Amino acid sequence: MNDEQVIADLHSRWMFGWERNEGDAPFDFRRTFDEFYDFSSPDVRLYDDFDPEQRVAKTAAGYGSIWEPNFHKMVSAHHAVDDGPHVIADHDLAASTLTFVARITMPDVTTDIRTTTSLVWRRTPDGWRIVREHNSTTVLPTGKLDGRLPAPEAL
């Protein structure tokens, strides 16, 4: 595979790393995403506007600390690719974009979303790793993803 294909595969697998099924083991960001994020880089910047506090994490571990509490409470999260991934790669840096839809089920509410994610990857001795992330999310009308993703009662 060429670099563009490798990054496309990584980005798709990264997205499905966020999948959760009822009864899964507790979410462990480092264990789930160790092969994707650069946990040792001093210049990581990771942002997702779905975070109510709109924080920018400067480490992969810090980013995990944003998401782990919510994922521990989550009943399920199911995703589907809507567009992409689209990749450009050159030497030691690459960028990819992918749009996905997801149904996030918490104990008291189910939310359908569409997210456009942009990742910057750096080639390291261990392979390509994420050093920049920007996600922009739109909450969709309730039930918008019916038929595309499992219904909450089917989970």
Protein backbone atom coordinates (compact mmCIF):
# COMPACT_ATOMS: atom_id res chain seq x y z
CA MET A 1 0.00 0.00 0.00
CA ASN A 2 1.15 3.54 -0.64
CA ASP A 3 1.10 6.21 2.10
CA GLU A 4 -2.30 7.56 1.03
CA GLN A 5 -3.84 4.08 1.31
CA VAL A 6 -2.19 3.46 4.67
CA ILE A 7 -3.51 6.76 6.05
CA ALA A 8 -6.99 6.11 4.62
CA ASP A 9 -7.05 2.73 6.35
CA LEU A 10 -5.78 4.22 9.61
CA HIS A 11 -8.37 7.02 9.56
CA SER A 12 -11.24 4.57 8.97
CA ARG A 13 -10.01 2.23 11.71
CA TRP A 14 -9.55 5.24 14.03
CA MET A 15 -13.20 6.18 13.53
CA PHE A 16 -14.40 2.68 14.39
CA GLY A 17 -12.19 2.72 17.50
CA TRP A 18 -14.86 4.99 19.01
CA GLU A 19 -17.50 2.25 18.63
CA ARG A 20 -19.15 1.11 21.84
CA ASN A 21 -21.62 -1.69 22.43
CA GLU A 22 -23.67 -2.17 25.55
CA GLY A 23 -21.69 -4.36 27.93
CA ASP A 24 -18.25 -3.52 26.50
CA ALA A 25 -15.29 -3.36 28.86
CA PRO A 26 -14.65 0.14 30.26
CA PHE A 27 -13.29 2.51 27.61
CA ASP A 28 -9.51 2.84 27.79
CA PHE A 29 -8.32 5.59 25.43
CA ARG A 30 -4.64 4.61 25.50
CA ARG A 31 -5.33 0.93 24.89
CA THR A 32 -7.80 1.70 22.09
CA PHE A 33 -5.80 4.40 20.30
CA ASP A 34 -2.14 3.64 21.07
CA GLU A 35 -1.44 2.81 17.42
CA PHE A 36 -3.06 6.05 16.19
CA TYR A 37 -1.95 8.98 18.36
CA ASP A 38 1.58 10.20 19.05
CA PHE A 39 1.63 9.86 22.83
CA SER A 40 5.18 11.25 23.09
CA SER A 41 5.09 14.33 20.84
CA PRO A 42 5.37 17.73 22.54
CA ASP A 43 3.48 19.46 19.72
CA VAL A 44 0.18 17.56 19.63
CA ARG A 45 -3.00 19.66 19.35
CA LEU A 46 -6.34 17.84 19.45
CA TYR A 47 -9.78 19.48 19.36
CA ASP A 48 -13.36 18.32 19.03
CA ASP A 49 -16.23 20.81 19.26
CA PHE A 50 -18.47 18.02 20.61
CA ASP A 51 -16.60 18.54 23.90
CA PRO A 52 -18.94 20.91 25.81
CA GLU A 53 -15.91 22.67 27.31
CA GLN A 54 -14.27 23.21 23.88
CA ARG A 55 -10.83 22.20 25.21
CA VAL A 56 -7.70 21.85 23.09
CA ALA A 57 -5.60 18.95 24.31
CA LYS A 58 -1.83 19.29 24.03
CA THR A 59 -1.16 15.59 24.63
CA ALA A 60 -2.86 12.43 23.48
CA ALA A 61 -3.27 11.37 27.12
CA GLY A 62 -4.93 14.72 27.87
CA TYR A 63 -7.32 14.16 24.98
CA GLY A 64 -8.19 10.76 26.38
CA SER A 65 -9.00 12.35 29.73
CA ILE A 66 -11.60 14.52 27.99
CA TRP A 67 -13.43 11.53 26.50
CA GLU A 68 -13.02 8.66 28.95
CA PRO A 69 -15.57 9.92 31.54
CA ASN A 70 -18.32 10.25 28.91
CA PHE A 71 -17.49 6.94 27.29
CA HIS A 72 -17.65 5.21 30.67
CA LYS A 73 -21.27 6.41 31.00
CA MET A 74 -22.18 5.62 27.40
CA VAL A 75 -24.52 2.77 26.52
CA SER A 76 -23.38 2.60 22.88
CA ALA A 77 -21.87 4.50 19.97
CA HIS A 78 -22.29 3.32 16.40
CA HIS A 79 -20.65 4.93 13.37
CA ALA A 80 -20.78 4.87 9.59
CA VAL A 81 -18.56 6.64 7.06
CA ASP A 82 -20.48 9.36 5.22
CA ASP A 83 -17.63 10.62 3.01
CA GLY A 84 -13.95 9.82 2.64
CA PRO A 85 -11.39 9.35 3.80
CA HIS A 86 -9.59 11.84 1.56
CA VAL A 87 -5.82 11.87 2.01
CA ILE A 88 -2.78 13.81 0.93
CA ALA A 89 0.64 12.57 2.00
CA ASP A 90 4.16 13.84 1.42
CA HIS A 91 7.30 12.51 3.07
CA ASP A 92 6.76 12.69 6.83
CA LEU A 93 3.40 14.50 7.05
CA ALA A 94 -0.05 13.59 5.82
CA ALA A 95 -3.55 15.01 6.20
CA SER A 96 -6.84 13.19 6.00
CA THR A 97 -10.49 14.16 6.20
CA LEU A 98 -13.45 11.91 6.78
CA THR A 99 -17.08 12.61 7.51
CA PHE A 100 -18.98 10.13 9.62
CA VAL A 101 -22.41 9.81 11.16
CA ALA A 102 -22.95 8.31 14.58
CA ARG A 103 -25.66 7.45 17.04
CA ILE A 104 -24.56 8.06 20.62
CA THR A 105 -26.75 6.41 23.25
CA MET A 106 -26.46 7.55 26.84
CA PRO A 107 -28.68 6.14 29.62
CA ASP A 108 -31.15 9.02 29.26
CA VAL A 109 -30.83 10.24 25.65
CA THR A 110 -29.86 9.19 22.15
CA THR A 111 -28.15 11.70 19.87
CA ASP A 112 -27.52 11.40 16.13
CA ILE A 113 -24.55 13.39 14.81
CA ARG A 114 -22.58 14.11 11.65
CA THR A 115 -18.91 14.92 12.20
CA THR A 116 -16.23 16.09 9.81
CA THR A 117 -12.85 15.09 11.12
CA SER A 118 -9.48 16.35 9.91
CA LEU A 119 -6.33 14.60 11.08
CA VAL A 120 -2.67 15.45 10.53
CA TRP A 121 -0.35 12.46 10.68
CA ARG A 122 3.40 12.42 11.22
CA ARG A 123 5.58 9.52 10.16
CA THR A 124 7.40 8.16 13.23
CA PRO A 125 9.66 5.13 13.69
CA ASP A 126 6.51 3.31 14.87
CA GLY A 127 4.43 4.33 11.84
CA TRP A 128 2.03 7.16 11.08
CA ARG A 129 0.67 8.90 14.20
CA ILE A 130 -1.91 11.67 14.74
CA VAL A 131 -0.41 14.99 15.88
CA ARG A 132 -3.34 17.27 14.98
CA GLU A 133 -7.07 16.65 15.12
CA HIS A 134 -10.03 18.90 14.47
CA ASN A 135 -13.60 17.63 14.58
CA SER A 136 -16.70 19.67 13.77
CA THR A 137 -20.01 18.11 14.73
CA THR A 138 -23.63 18.85 13.88
CA VAL A 139 -26.38 17.31 15.97
CA LEU A 140 -28.99 15.82 13.64
CA PRO A 141 -32.74 15.66 14.20
CA THR A 142 -33.72 12.73 16.41
CA GLY A 143 -34.07 9.59 14.34
CA LYS A 144 -32.31 11.03 11.28
CA LEU A 145 -30.08 7.96 11.13
CA ASP A 146 -32.88 5.40 11.56
CA GLY A 147 -32.28 2.57 9.15
CA ARG A 148 -28.65 3.51 8.76
CA LEU A 149 -27.52 2.73 12.28
CA PRO A 150 -29.08 0.50 14.95
CA ALA A 151 -32.17 1.93 16.62
CA PRO A 152 -31.67 2.58 20.36
CA GLU A 153 -34.10 -0.18 21.32
CA ALA A 154 -32.14 -2.67 19.17
CA LEU A 155 -28.93 -2.15 21.14
